[in-house]
C-alpha atoms as a PDB file:
ATOM      1  CA  UNK A   1      51.936 -32.210   0.604  1.00  0.00           C
ATOM      2  CA  UNK A   2      48.857 -31.647  -1.576  1.00  0.00           C
ATOM      3  CA  UNK A   3      47.828 -28.284  -2.868  1.00  0.00           C
ATOM      4  CA  UNK A   4      45.213 -26.830  -4.914  1.00  0.00           C
ATOM      5  CA  UNK A   5      46.985 -24.788  -7.482  1.00  0.00           C
ATOM      6  CA  UNK A   6      46.050 -22.239 -10.120  1.00  0.00           C
ATOM      7  CA  UNK A   7      47.860 -23.211 -13.452  1.00  0.00           C
ATOM      8  CA  UNK A   8      46.267 -20.620 -15.971  1.00  0.00           C
ATOM      9  CA  UNK A   9      43.702 -18.025 -16.003  1.00  0.00           C
ATOM     10  CA  UNK A  10      40.428 -19.228 -17.474  1.00  0.00           C
ATOM     11  CA  UNK A  11      37.474 -21.422 -16.470  1.00  0.00           C
ATOM     12  CA  UNK A  12      37.439 -22.692 -12.816  1.00  0.00           C
ATOM     13  CA  UNK A  13      37.224 -26.394 -14.320  1.00  0.00           C
ATOM     14  CA  UNK A  14      40.389 -26.020 -16.225  1.00  0.00           C
ATOM     15  CA  UNK A  15      42.379 -23.719 -14.534  1.00  0.00           C
ATOM     16  CA  UNK A  16      43.065 -25.649 -11.211  1.00  0.00           C
ATOM     17  CA  UNK A  17      44.382 -28.551 -10.332  1.00  0.00           C
ATOM     18  CA  UNK A  18      45.165 -30.911  -7.146  1.00  0.00           C
ATOM     19  CA  UNK A  19      49.290 -30.964  -7.100  1.00  0.00           C
ATOM     20  CA  UNK A  20      51.604 -32.526  -5.338  1.00  0.00           C
ATOM     21  CA  UNK A  21      53.999 -30.001  -3.531  1.00  0.00           C
ATOM     22  CA  UNK A  22      57.184 -29.839  -1.128  1.00  0.00           C
ATOM     23  CA  UNK A  23      56.179 -28.768   2.501  1.00  0.00           C
ATOM     24  CA  UNK A  24      57.072 -25.235   2.543  1.00  0.00           C
ATOM     25  CA  UNK A  25      59.977 -23.832   5.026  1.00  0.00           C
ATOM     26  CA  UNK A  26      59.089 -21.691   7.651  1.00  0.00           C
ATOM     27  CA  UNK A  27      61.106 -17.887   8.173  1.00  0.00           C
ATOM     28  CA  UNK A  28      62.146 -17.011  12.135  1.00  0.00           C
ATOM     29  CA  UNK A  29      58.641 -14.831  12.477  1.00  0.00           C
ATOM     30  CA  UNK A  30      56.331 -17.453  10.841  1.00  0.00           C
ATOM     31  CA  UNK A  31      54.555 -20.615  12.128  1.00  0.00           C
ATOM     32  CA  UNK A  32      53.263 -23.358   9.881  1.00  0.00           C
ATOM     33  CA  UNK A  33      50.088 -24.621  10.365  1.00  0.00           C
ATOM     34  CA  UNK A  34      48.445 -28.328  10.031  1.00  0.00           C
ATOM     35  CA  UNK A  35      45.157 -27.237   7.826  1.00  0.00           C
ATOM     36  CA  UNK A  36      41.920 -28.384   9.180  1.00  0.00           C
ATOM     37  CA  UNK A  37      39.543 -26.538   7.105  1.00  0.00           C
ATOM     38  CA  UNK A  38      39.232 -23.550   4.861  1.00  0.00           C
ATOM     39  CA  UNK A  39      37.376 -21.449   2.921  1.00  0.00           C
ATOM     40  CA  UNK A  40      36.814 -19.839  -0.552  1.00  0.00           C
ATOM     41  CA  UNK A  41      35.863 -15.960  -1.058  1.00  0.00           C
ATOM     42  CA  UNK A  42      34.644 -14.576  -4.188  1.00  0.00           C
ATOM     43  CA  UNK A  43      38.343 -13.099  -4.399  1.00  0.00           C
ATOM     44  CA  UNK A  44      39.484 -16.507  -5.109  1.00  0.00           C
ATOM     45  CA  UNK A  45      37.366 -17.266  -8.643  1.00  0.00           C
ATOM     46  CA  UNK A  46      37.311 -13.284  -9.620  1.00  0.00           C
ATOM     47  CA  UNK A  47      41.434 -14.259  -9.720  1.00  0.00           C
ATOM     48  CA  UNK A  48      41.005 -17.891 -11.711  1.00  0.00           C
ATOM     49  CA  UNK A  49      39.329 -15.759 -14.168  1.00  0.00           C
ATOM     50  CA  UNK A  50      41.944 -13.319 -14.535  1.00  0.00           C
ATOM     51  CA  UNK A  51      39.809 -10.108 -13.103  1.00  0.00           C
ATOM     52  CA  UNK A  52      42.819  -8.625 -11.644  1.00  0.00           C
ATOM     53  CA  UNK A  53      45.743  -9.155 -14.039  1.00  0.00           C
ATOM     54  CA  UNK A  54      45.462  -5.886 -15.009  1.00  0.00           C
ATOM     55  CA  UNK A  55      46.703  -4.487 -11.662  1.00  0.00           C
ATOM     56  CA  UNK A  56      49.002  -7.813 -10.912  1.00  0.00           C
ATOM     57  CA  UNK A  57      49.931 -10.813 -12.607  1.00  0.00           C
ATOM     58  CA  UNK A  58      50.457 -14.312 -10.890  1.00  0.00           C
ATOM     59  CA  UNK A  59      53.261 -16.454 -11.823  1.00  0.00           C
ATOM     60  CA  UNK A  60      51.616 -20.182 -12.273  1.00  0.00           C
ATOM     61  CA  UNK A  61      51.329 -22.539 -10.786  1.00  0.00           C
ATOM     62  CA  UNK A  62      50.162 -20.732  -8.175  1.00  0.00           C
ATOM     63  CA  UNK A  63      48.282 -21.642  -4.562  1.00  0.00           C
ATOM     64  CA  UNK A  64      44.771 -20.436  -3.812  1.00  0.00           C
ATOM     65  CA  UNK A  65      42.921 -19.652  -0.923  1.00  0.00           C
ATOM     66  CA  UNK A  66      43.496 -16.899   2.108  1.00  0.00           C
ATOM     67  CA  UNK A  67      41.849 -18.534   5.152  1.00  0.00           C
ATOM     68  CA  UNK A  68      43.145 -21.188   7.086  1.00  0.00           C
ATOM     69  CA  UNK A  69      41.992 -22.827  10.457  1.00  0.00           C
ATOM     70  CA  UNK A  70      44.378 -25.576  11.702  1.00  0.00           C
ATOM     71  CA  UNK A  71      46.789 -26.757  14.653  1.00  0.00           C
ATOM     72  CA  UNK A  72      50.429 -25.285  14.805  1.00  0.00           C
ATOM     73  CA  UNK A  73      52.891 -27.697  13.559  1.00  0.00           C
ATOM     74  CA  UNK A  74      55.782 -25.806  13.680  1.00  0.00           C
ATOM     75  CA  UNK A  75      56.781 -22.483  14.864  1.00  0.00           C
ATOM     76  CA  UNK A  76      60.207 -19.954  13.634  1.00  0.00           C
ATOM     77  CA  UNK A  77      62.565 -19.246  16.358  1.00  0.00           C
ATOM     78  CA  UNK A  78      61.852 -15.529  16.760  1.00  0.00           C
ATOM     79  CA  UNK A  79      57.755 -16.998  17.736  1.00  0.00           C
ATOM     80  CA  UNK A  80      56.740 -16.313  21.086  1.00  0.00           C
ATOM     81  CA  UNK A  81      53.368 -16.155  21.079  1.00  0.00           C
ATOM     82  CA  UNK A  82      52.364 -19.342  20.043  1.00  0.00           C
ATOM     83  CA  UNK A  83      53.497 -23.002  20.488  1.00  0.00           C
ATOM     84  CA  UNK A  84      52.978 -26.315  18.465  1.00  0.00           C
ATOM     85  CA  UNK A  85      49.745 -28.313  19.183  1.00  0.00           C
ATOM     86  CA  UNK A  86      47.806 -24.981  19.315  1.00  0.00           C
ATOM     87  CA  UNK A  87      44.175 -24.524  17.333  1.00  0.00           C
ATOM     88  CA  UNK A  88      44.743 -21.045  15.359  1.00  0.00           C
ATOM     89  CA  UNK A  89      43.360 -19.426  12.521  1.00  0.00           C
ATOM     90  CA  UNK A  90      44.512 -16.683   9.765  1.00  0.00           C
ATOM     91  CA  UNK A  91      44.055 -14.504   7.137  1.00  0.00           C
ATOM     92  CA  UNK A  92      47.741 -15.552   5.518  1.00  0.00           C
ATOM     93  CA  UNK A  93      49.434 -12.754   3.814  1.00  0.00           C
ATOM     94  CA  UNK A  94      49.246 -12.312   0.099  1.00  0.00           C
ATOM     95  CA  UNK A  95      52.683 -13.308  -0.534  1.00  0.00           C
ATOM     96  CA  UNK A  96      52.107 -16.891   1.406  1.00  0.00           C
ATOM     97  CA  UNK A  97      48.676 -17.317  -0.734  1.00  0.00           C
ATOM     98  CA  UNK A  98      47.678 -20.870  -0.897  1.00  0.00           C
ATOM     99  CA  UNK A  99      45.290 -21.921   1.930  1.00  0.00           C
ATOM    100  CA  UNK A 100      43.851 -24.924   0.155  1.00  0.00           C
ATOM    101  CA  UNK A 101      46.696 -27.406   0.873  1.00  0.00           C
ATOM    102  CA  UNK A 102      47.539 -29.790   3.414  1.00  0.00           C
ATOM    103  CA  UNK A 103      50.000 -27.221   5.443  1.00  0.00           C
ATOM    104  CA  UNK A 104      50.143 -23.302   5.208  1.00  0.00           C
ATOM    105  CA  UNK A 105      52.594 -20.998   6.660  1.00  0.00           C
ATOM    106  CA  UNK A 106      51.063 -17.726   8.409  1.00  0.00           C
ATOM    107  CA  UNK A 107      53.304 -14.665   9.326  1.00  0.00           C
ATOM    108  CA  UNK A 108      52.624 -15.258  13.510  1.00  0.00           C
ATOM    109  CA  UNK A 109      51.468 -11.319  13.766  1.00  0.00           C
ATOM    110  CA  UNK A 110      48.492 -12.370  11.495  1.00  0.00           C
ATOM    111  CA  UNK A 111      47.221 -15.395  13.853  1.00  0.00           C
ATOM    112  CA  UNK A 112      44.796 -15.817  16.474  1.00  0.00           C
ATOM    113  CA  UNK A 113      44.085 -18.778  18.794  1.00  0.00           C
ATOM    114  CA  UNK A 114      40.725 -20.615  18.472  1.00  0.00           C
ATOM    115  CA  UNK A 115      38.700 -21.182  21.194  1.00  0.00           C
ATOM    116  CA  UNK A 116      37.466 -24.625  21.841  1.00  0.00           C
ATOM    117  CA  UNK A 117      33.786 -24.263  21.783  1.00  0.00           C
ATOM    118  CA  UNK A 118      34.051 -23.653  17.846  1.00  0.00           C
ATOM    119  CA  UNK A 119      34.833 -26.275  14.752  1.00  0.00           C
ATOM    120  CA  UNK A 120      37.450 -25.224  12.544  1.00  0.00           C
ATOM    121  CA  UNK A 121      34.779 -25.453   9.816  1.00  0.00           C
ATOM    122  CA  UNK A 122      33.061 -22.725  11.819  1.00  0.00           C
ATOM    123  CA  UNK A 123      36.705 -20.708  12.705  1.00  0.00           C
ATOM    124  CA  UNK A 124      37.503 -21.280   8.464  1.00  0.00           C
ATOM    125  CA  UNK A 125      34.903 -18.949   7.688  1.00  0.00           C
ATOM    126  CA  UNK A 126      35.903 -16.156   9.500  1.00  0.00           C
ATOM    127  CA  UNK A 127      39.562 -14.543   8.605  1.00  0.00           C
ATOM    128  CA  UNK A 128      39.051 -12.721   5.332  1.00  0.00           C
ATOM    129  CA  UNK A 129      35.146 -12.083   5.652  1.00  0.00           C
ATOM    130  CA  UNK A 130      35.325 -11.124   9.350  1.00  0.00           C
ATOM    131  CA  UNK A 131      38.446  -8.879   8.825  1.00  0.00           C
ATOM    132  CA  UNK A 132      36.674  -7.006   5.557  1.00  0.00           C
ATOM    133  CA  UNK A 133      33.717  -6.192   7.974  1.00  0.00           C
ATOM    134  CA  UNK A 134      35.508  -5.444  10.845  1.00  0.00           C
ATOM    135  CA  UNK A 135      37.952  -2.738   8.789  1.00  0.00           C
ATOM    136  CA  UNK A 136      34.854  -1.585   6.550  1.00  0.00           C
ATOM    137  CA  UNK A 137      32.736  -0.933   9.570  1.00  0.00           C
ATOM    138  CA  UNK A 138      35.261   0.158  11.818  1.00  0.00           C
ATOM    139  CA  UNK A 139      38.272   0.987  10.555  1.00  0.00           C
ATOM    140  CA  UNK A 140      37.097   3.208   7.760  1.00  0.00           C
ATOM    141  CA  UNK A 141      33.377   3.975   7.996  1.00  0.00           C
ATOM    142  CA  UNK A 142      33.748   4.399  11.797  1.00  0.00           C
ATOM    143  CA  UNK A 143      29.942   3.193  11.944  1.00  0.00           C
ATOM    144  CA  UNK A 144      28.534   5.149  15.187  1.00  0.00           C
ATOM    145  CA  UNK A 145      25.714   3.816  17.378  1.00  0.00           C
ATOM    146  CA  UNK A 146      22.439   4.935  15.934  1.00  0.00           C
ATOM    147  CA  UNK A 147      23.448   5.379  12.172  1.00  0.00           C
ATOM    148  CA  UNK A 148      21.726   4.266   9.640  1.00  0.00           C
ATOM    149  CA  UNK A 149      23.832   1.625   7.308  1.00  0.00           C
ATOM    150  CA  UNK A 150      22.817  -0.302   4.161  1.00  0.00           C
ATOM    151  CA  UNK A 151      24.861  -3.554   3.694  1.00  0.00           C
ATOM    152  CA  UNK A 152      23.766  -5.137   0.412  1.00  0.00           C
ATOM    153  CA  UNK A 153      24.038  -8.799   0.021  1.00  0.00           C
ATOM    154  CA  UNK A 154      23.418  -9.766   3.437  1.00  0.00           C
ATOM    155  CA  UNK A 155      23.064 -13.298   3.243  1.00  0.00           C
ATOM    156  CA  UNK A 156      26.597 -13.816   1.945  1.00  0.00           C
ATOM    157  CA  UNK A 157      29.733 -14.355   3.077  1.00  0.00           C
ATOM    158  CA  UNK A 158      30.525 -10.592   3.732  1.00  0.00           C
ATOM    159  CA  UNK A 159      26.937  -9.585   4.411  1.00  0.00           C
ATOM    160  CA  UNK A 160      26.080 -12.095   6.770  1.00  0.00           C
ATOM    161  CA  UNK A 161      29.266 -11.176   9.178  1.00  0.00           C
ATOM    162  CA  UNK A 162      28.862  -7.745   8.556  1.00  0.00           C
ATOM    163  CA  UNK A 163      24.798  -7.287   9.642  1.00  0.00           C
ATOM    164  CA  UNK A 164      25.741  -8.713  12.673  1.00  0.00           C
ATOM    165  CA  UNK A 165      29.035  -6.668  13.440  1.00  0.00           C
ATOM    166  CA  UNK A 166      26.923  -3.653  12.353  1.00  0.00           C
ATOM    167  CA  UNK A 167      24.300  -4.683  15.228  1.00  0.00           C
ATOM    168  CA  UNK A 168      27.001  -5.262  17.842  1.00  0.00           C
ATOM    169  CA  UNK A 169      28.316  -1.679  17.064  1.00  0.00           C
ATOM    170  CA  UNK A 170      24.565  -0.420  17.664  1.00  0.00           C
ATOM    171  CA  UNK A 171      23.532   0.706  14.033  1.00  0.00           C
ATOM    172  CA  UNK A 172      20.311   0.322  12.586  1.00  0.00           C
ATOM    173  CA  UNK A 173      20.519  -2.281   9.602  1.00  0.00           C
ATOM    174  CA  UNK A 174      19.177  -2.523   5.999  1.00  0.00           C
ATOM    175  CA  UNK A 175      19.887  -5.001   4.212  1.00  0.00           C
ATOM    176  CA  UNK A 176      19.123  -6.195   0.705  1.00  0.00           C
ATOM    177  CA  UNK A 177      18.565 -10.241   0.082  1.00  0.00           C
ATOM    178  CA  UNK A 178      16.473 -12.503  -2.353  1.00  0.00           C
ATOM    179  CA  UNK A 179      12.883 -13.697  -0.787  1.00  0.00           C
ATOM    180  CA  UNK A 180      14.423 -17.064   0.271  1.00  0.00           C
ATOM    181  CA  UNK A 181      17.022 -15.645   2.358  1.00  0.00           C
ATOM    182  CA  UNK A 182      14.873 -13.215   4.598  1.00  0.00           C
ATOM    183  CA  UNK A 183      14.431 -15.707   7.278  1.00  0.00           C
ATOM    184  CA  UNK A 184      18.298 -16.051   7.358  1.00  0.00           C
ATOM    185  CA  UNK A 185      18.834 -11.928   7.605  1.00  0.00           C
ATOM    186  CA  UNK A 186      15.937 -11.836  10.031  1.00  0.00           C
ATOM    187  CA  UNK A 187      17.931 -14.265  12.879  1.00  0.00           C
ATOM    188  CA  UNK A 188      21.188 -12.250  11.960  1.00  0.00           C
ATOM    189  CA  UNK A 189      19.569  -8.834  13.302  1.00  0.00           C
ATOM    190  CA  UNK A 190      18.713  -6.703  10.168  1.00  0.00           C
ATOM    191  CA  UNK A 191      16.072  -4.053  11.371  1.00  0.00           C
ATOM    192  CA  UNK A 192      14.762  -3.439   7.596  1.00  0.00           C
ATOM    193  CA  UNK A 193      14.612  -6.077   4.617  1.00  0.00           C
ATOM    194  CA  UNK A 194      14.705  -5.294   1.045  1.00  0.00           C
ATOM    195  CA  UNK A 195      13.958  -8.324  -1.385  1.00  0.00           C
ATOM    196  CA  UNK A 196      15.453  -7.282  -4.275  1.00  0.00           C
ATOM    197  CA  UNK A 197      13.217  -9.406  -6.454  1.00  0.00           C
ATOM    198  CA  UNK A 198      10.166  -7.409  -5.692  1.00  0.00           C
ATOM    199  CA  UNK A 199      11.162  -3.995  -4.348  1.00  0.00           C
ATOM    200  CA  UNK A 200      14.202  -1.722  -5.015  1.00  0.00           C
ATOM    201  CA  UNK A 201      16.698  -0.187  -2.421  1.00  0.00           C
ATOM    202  CA  UNK A 202      16.636   3.013  -4.514  1.00  0.00           C
ATOM    203  CA  UNK A 203      13.079   3.678  -2.951  1.00  0.00           C
ATOM    204  CA  UNK A 204      14.618   4.626   0.163  1.00  0.00           C
ATOM    205  CA  UNK A 205      16.071   8.108  -0.975  1.00  0.00           C
ATOM    206  CA  UNK A 206      18.801   9.526   1.018  1.00  0.00           C
ATOM    207  CA  UNK A 207      18.558   7.871   4.273  1.00  0.00           C
ATOM    208  CA  UNK A 208      21.694   6.490   4.737  1.00  0.00           C
ATOM    209  CA  UNK A 209      24.958   7.350   6.793  1.00  0.00           C
ATOM    210  CA  UNK A 210      26.749   4.300   5.395  1.00  0.00           C
ATOM    211  CA  UNK A 211      26.082   1.971   2.536  1.00  0.00           C
ATOM    212  CA  UNK A 212      28.554  -0.745   2.575  1.00  0.00           C
ATOM    213  CA  UNK A 213      28.845  -2.115  -1.185  1.00  0.00           C
ATOM    214  CA  UNK A 214      30.020  -5.683  -1.345  1.00  0.00           C
ATOM    215  CA  UNK A 215      28.458  -5.741  -5.121  1.00  0.00           C
ATOM    216  CA  UNK A 216      30.377  -2.876  -7.248  1.00  0.00           C
ATOM    217  CA  UNK A 217      28.682  -2.225 -10.807  1.00  0.00           C
ATOM    218  CA  UNK A 218      25.903   0.029 -10.951  1.00  0.00           C
ATOM    219  CA  UNK A 219      25.407  -0.471  -7.377  1.00  0.00           C
ATOM    220  CA  UNK A 220      28.393   1.761  -6.116  1.00  0.00           C
ATOM    221  CA  UNK A 221      27.375   4.581  -8.213  1.00  0.00           C
ATOM    222  CA  UNK A 222      23.653   4.340  -7.054  1.00  0.00           C
ATOM    223  CA  UNK A 223      24.868   4.517  -3.650  1.00  0.00           C
ATOM    224  CA  UNK A 224      25.118   7.999  -3.548  1.00  0.00           C
ATOM    225  CA  UNK A 225      21.222   8.312  -4.539  1.00  0.00           C
ATOM    226  CA  UNK A 226      20.469   6.759  -1.272  1.00  0.00           C
ATOM    227  CA  UNK A 227      23.128   8.544   0.931  1.00  0.00           C
ATOM    228  CA  UNK A 228      22.719  11.487   3.348  1.00  0.00           C
ATOM    229  CA  UNK A 229      25.089  14.084   2.585  1.00  0.00           C
ATOM    230  CA  UNK A 230      28.766  13.673   4.333  1.00  0.00           C
ATOM    231  CA  UNK A 231      27.667  10.062   3.963  1.00  0.00           C
ATOM    232  CA  UNK A 232      30.462   7.199   3.333  1.00  0.00           C
ATOM    233  CA  UNK A 233      30.216   4.491   1.150  1.00  0.00           C
ATOM    234  CA  UNK A 234      32.568   1.347   1.511  1.00  0.00           C
ATOM    235  CA  UNK A 235      33.087  -0.844  -1.458  1.00  0.00           C
ATOM    236  CA  UNK A 236      34.607  -4.162  -1.504  1.00  0.00           C
ATOM    237  CA  UNK A 237      34.019  -4.453  -5.552  1.00  0.00           C
ATOM    238  CA  UNK A 238      33.725  -1.139  -6.732  1.00  0.00           C
ATOM    239  CA  UNK A 239      36.005   1.136  -8.456  1.00  0.00           C
ATOM    240  CA  UNK A 240      39.617   1.296  -6.764  1.00  0.00           C
ATOM    241  CA  UNK A 241      40.384   4.705  -5.032  1.00  0.00           C
ATOM    242  CA  UNK A 242      43.540   6.697  -4.783  1.00  0.00           C
ATOM    243  CA  UNK A 243      44.541   5.201  -1.127  1.00  0.00           C
ATOM    244  CA  UNK A 244      44.199   1.887  -2.902  1.00  0.00           C
ATOM    245  CA  UNK A 245      45.953   1.949  -6.012  1.00  0.00           C
ATOM    246  CA  UNK A 246      49.295   3.600  -3.697  1.00  0.00           C
ATOM    247  CA  UNK A 247      48.962   0.289  -1.475  1.00  0.00           C
ATOM    248  CA  UNK A 248      49.212  -1.541  -4.250  1.00  0.00           C
ATOM    249  CA  UNK A 249      52.118  -0.315  -5.567  1.00  0.00           C
ATOM    250  CA  UNK A 250      50.900   0.472  -8.945  1.00  0.00           C
ATOM    251  CA  UNK A 251      52.617   2.302 -11.368  1.00  0.00           C
ATOM    252  CA  UNK A 252      51.824   6.134 -12.523  1.00  0.00           C
ATOM    253  CA  UNK A 253      49.968   4.981 -15.681  1.00  0.00           C
ATOM    254  CA  UNK A 254      48.145   2.387 -14.260  1.00  0.00           C
ATOM    255  CA  UNK A 255      46.965   4.739 -11.260  1.00  0.00           C
ATOM    256  CA  UNK A 256      45.731   7.448 -13.833  1.00  0.00           C
ATOM    257  CA  UNK A 257      43.717   4.966 -15.746  1.00  0.00           C
ATOM    258  CA  UNK A 258      42.012   4.157 -12.662  1.00  0.00           C
ATOM    259  CA  UNK A 259      41.319   7.447 -11.333  1.00  0.00           C
ATOM    260  CA  UNK A 260      39.667   7.726 -14.635  1.00  0.00           C
ATOM    261  CA  UNK A 261      37.880   4.652 -14.351  1.00  0.00           C
ATOM    262  CA  UNK A 262      36.486   6.077 -11.008  1.00  0.00           C
ATOM    263  CA  UNK A 263      35.805   9.557 -12.085  1.00  0.00           C
ATOM    264  CA  UNK A 264      31.809   9.065 -12.047  1.00  0.00           C
ATOM    265  CA  UNK A 265      32.189   7.460  -8.402  1.00  0.00           C
ATOM    266  CA  UNK A 266      34.175  10.260  -6.998  1.00  0.00           C
ATOM    267  CA  UNK A 267      32.167  13.039  -8.884  1.00  0.00           C
ATOM    268  CA  UNK A 268      28.882  11.461  -7.285  1.00  0.00           C
ATOM    269  CA  UNK A 269      30.497  11.468  -3.762  1.00  0.00           C
ATOM    270  CA  UNK A 270      31.586  14.938  -4.378  1.00  0.00           C
ATOM    271  CA  UNK A 271      28.112  16.487  -5.324  1.00  0.00           C
ATOM    272  CA  UNK A 272      26.888  15.342  -1.715  1.00  0.00           C
ATOM    273  CA  UNK A 273      29.880  15.552   0.477  1.00  0.00           C
ATOM    274  CA  UNK A 274      30.390  12.110   0.726  1.00  0.00           C
ATOM    275  CA  UNK A 275      33.340  10.010   1.228  1.00  0.00           C
ATOM    276  CA  UNK A 276      34.338   7.026  -0.926  1.00  0.00           C
ATOM    277  CA  UNK A 277      36.793   4.317  -0.482  1.00  0.00           C
ATOM    278  CA  UNK A 278      37.191   1.219  -1.893  1.00  0.00           C
ATOM    279  CA  UNK A 279      38.395  -1.459   1.035  1.00  0.00           C
ATOM    280  CA  UNK A 280      41.821  -3.753   0.379  1.00  0.00           C
ATOM    281  CA  UNK A 281      41.191  -6.135   3.398  1.00  0.00           C
ATOM    282  CA  UNK A 282      44.509  -6.397   5.362  1.00  0.00           C
ATOM    283  CA  UNK A 283      45.650  -9.603   7.293  1.00  0.00           C
ATOM    284  CA  UNK A 284      45.477  -8.442  11.147  1.00  0.00           C
ATOM    285  CA  UNK A 285      46.217 -10.965  13.925  1.00  0.00           C
ATOM    286  CA  UNK A 286      44.857  -8.362  16.579  1.00  0.00           C
ATOM    287  CA  UNK A 287      41.516  -7.709  14.642  1.00  0.00           C
ATOM    288  CA  UNK A 288      41.413 -11.134  14.278  1.00  0.00           C
ATOM    289  CA  UNK A 289      41.482 -12.006  18.062  1.00  0.00           C
ATOM    290  CA  UNK A 290      38.714  -9.363  18.311  1.00  0.00           C
ATOM    291  CA  UNK A 291      36.624 -10.974  16.087  1.00  0.00           C
ATOM    292  CA  UNK A 292      37.046 -14.565  17.578  1.00  0.00           C
ATOM    293  CA  UNK A 293      35.749 -13.288  20.911  1.00  0.00           C
ATOM    294  CA  UNK A 294      32.897 -12.216  19.525  1.00  0.00           C
ATOM    295  CA  UNK A 295      32.339 -15.566  17.843  1.00  0.00           C
ATOM    296  CA  UNK A 296      33.471 -17.276  21.165  1.00  0.00           C
ATOM    297  CA  UNK A 297      30.751 -15.382  23.168  1.00  0.00           C
ATOM    298  CA  UNK A 298      27.746 -15.812  20.646  1.00  0.00           C
ATOM    299  CA  UNK A 299      27.632 -12.387  19.818  1.00  0.00           C
ATOM    300  CA  UNK A 300      28.361 -13.319  16.293  1.00  0.00           C
ATOM    301  CA  UNK A 301      27.337 -16.406  14.797  1.00  0.00           C
ATOM    302  CA  UNK A 302      28.861 -18.449  12.314  1.00  0.00           C
ATOM    303  CA  UNK A 303      27.132 -18.862   8.541  1.00  0.00           C
ATOM    304  CA  UNK A 304      27.879 -21.971   6.854  1.00  0.00           C
ATOM    305  CA  UNK A 305      26.039 -22.909   3.298  1.00  0.00           C
ATOM    306  CA  UNK A 306      27.822 -25.985   2.740  1.00  0.00           C
ATOM    307  CA  UNK A 307      31.289 -27.913   3.563  1.00  0.00           C
ATOM    308  CA  UNK A 308      33.460 -30.059   0.867  1.00  0.00           C
ATOM    309  CA  UNK A 309      36.179 -32.662   1.258  1.00  0.00           C
ATOM    310  CA  UNK A 310      38.989 -30.973  -0.458  1.00  0.00           C
ATOM    311  CA  UNK A 311      39.330 -33.485  -3.002  1.00  0.00           C
ATOM    312  CA  UNK A 312      35.904 -31.559  -3.698  1.00  0.00           C
ATOM    313  CA  UNK A 313      37.425 -28.161  -3.919  1.00  0.00           C
ATOM    314  CA  UNK A 314      37.184 -27.560  -7.197  1.00  0.00           C
ATOM    315  CA  UNK A 315      33.327 -27.747  -6.898  1.00  0.00           C
ATOM    316  CA  UNK A 316      33.536 -25.884  -4.056  1.00  0.00           C
ATOM    317  CA  UNK A 317      34.675 -22.698  -5.692  1.00  0.00           C
ATOM    318  CA  UNK A 318      32.447 -23.805  -8.485  1.00  0.00           C
ATOM    319  CA  UNK A 319      29.612 -23.567  -6.073  1.00  0.00           C
ATOM    320  CA  UNK A 320      30.392 -20.297  -4.745  1.00  0.00           C
ATOM    321  CA  UNK A 321      30.997 -18.447  -8.227  1.00  0.00           C
ATOM    322  CA  UNK A 322      27.242 -19.166  -8.923  1.00  0.00           C
ATOM    323  CA  UNK A 323      26.339 -16.444  -6.320  1.00  0.00           C
ATOM    324  CA  UNK A 324      24.236 -18.308  -4.363  1.00  0.00           C
ATOM    325  CA  UNK A 325      25.931 -19.128  -1.599  1.00  0.00           C
ATOM    326  CA  UNK A 326      24.223 -18.243   1.877  1.00  0.00           C
ATOM    327  CA  UNK A 327      27.203 -17.120   4.085  1.00  0.00           C
ATOM    328  CA  UNK A 328      30.553 -19.263   4.109  1.00  0.00           C
ATOM    329  CA  UNK A 329      31.519 -22.499   1.565  1.00  0.00           C
ATOM    330  CA  UNK A 330      34.034 -24.460   3.367  1.00  0.00           C
ATOM    331  CA  UNK A 331      36.554 -26.733   2.586  1.00  0.00           C
ATOM    332  CA  UNK A 332      37.477 -29.652   5.437  1.00  0.00           C
ATOM    333  CA  UNK A 333      40.615 -31.400   5.188  1.00  0.00           C
ATOM    334  CA  UNK A 334      40.478 -33.340   8.514  1.00  0.00           C
ATOM    335  CA  UNK A 335      37.041 -35.053   9.731  1.00  0.00           C
END
């Protein structure tokens, strides 16, 4: 089968290659999926660049991609919930990464059935971004009806889902975006839109119960300037917290260095009695089923910027890395 592989750390144009590799063999609790569509996430190009190699190095060549929508080709002998021929999706486990391939293995517990009224392209954009939003807003922030939340980069892959999920939960949503994407985030349900090309979100003052930081850098630290006392900052791009370093199984020295790096953030949180969490999203088939139902009913709508053919997958990731995508960037394997 063909698979897009990372061959080294570096530029996307020189570090990725489509290779011929064997079809993987499933374990008793796994399923083999014939890929119909997949999607890229910012995590993918950051890994290629080597952004995380201090925490966890990878052995080359290595597959890329974590989202898959397709049809079950084969089920393991202990799998009872699924059968061959069913339409499914998954955010696969990190140990199985490589959804930019003709066939993909997933643990059965990470899989959800897919409704007939959604295409594989629409479904492929849900798993990682959807679970990230779900776990950030529901599991960690515990967002309540009537609370004020700021979601950065509302037109992005995660932001476009987070706006809709937050509205479904009954929150009052403020989001940041550029002028050209105001119409999009309005349709998604944002109550207040901050055009970052013309105004600063810092002018809002300390009015938010929750800030969902999808950008990192100065945005993480500045989150506490607009947060109510006792509020929550959930980040997927900022400094890693102690809980996450333990989840990653990092040694004490690296954990100590990361704790020093996050000192300004933890101090800023402590000053106003706020809570800061870096979210390390985890595959979860049960949560994915709940998300898929929200899409099936139309409560959340897919937002797709562009769809590429598999032989254009490197171009697809290069496009996403420019940071201008509205919603998801999809790769199609079967027309």
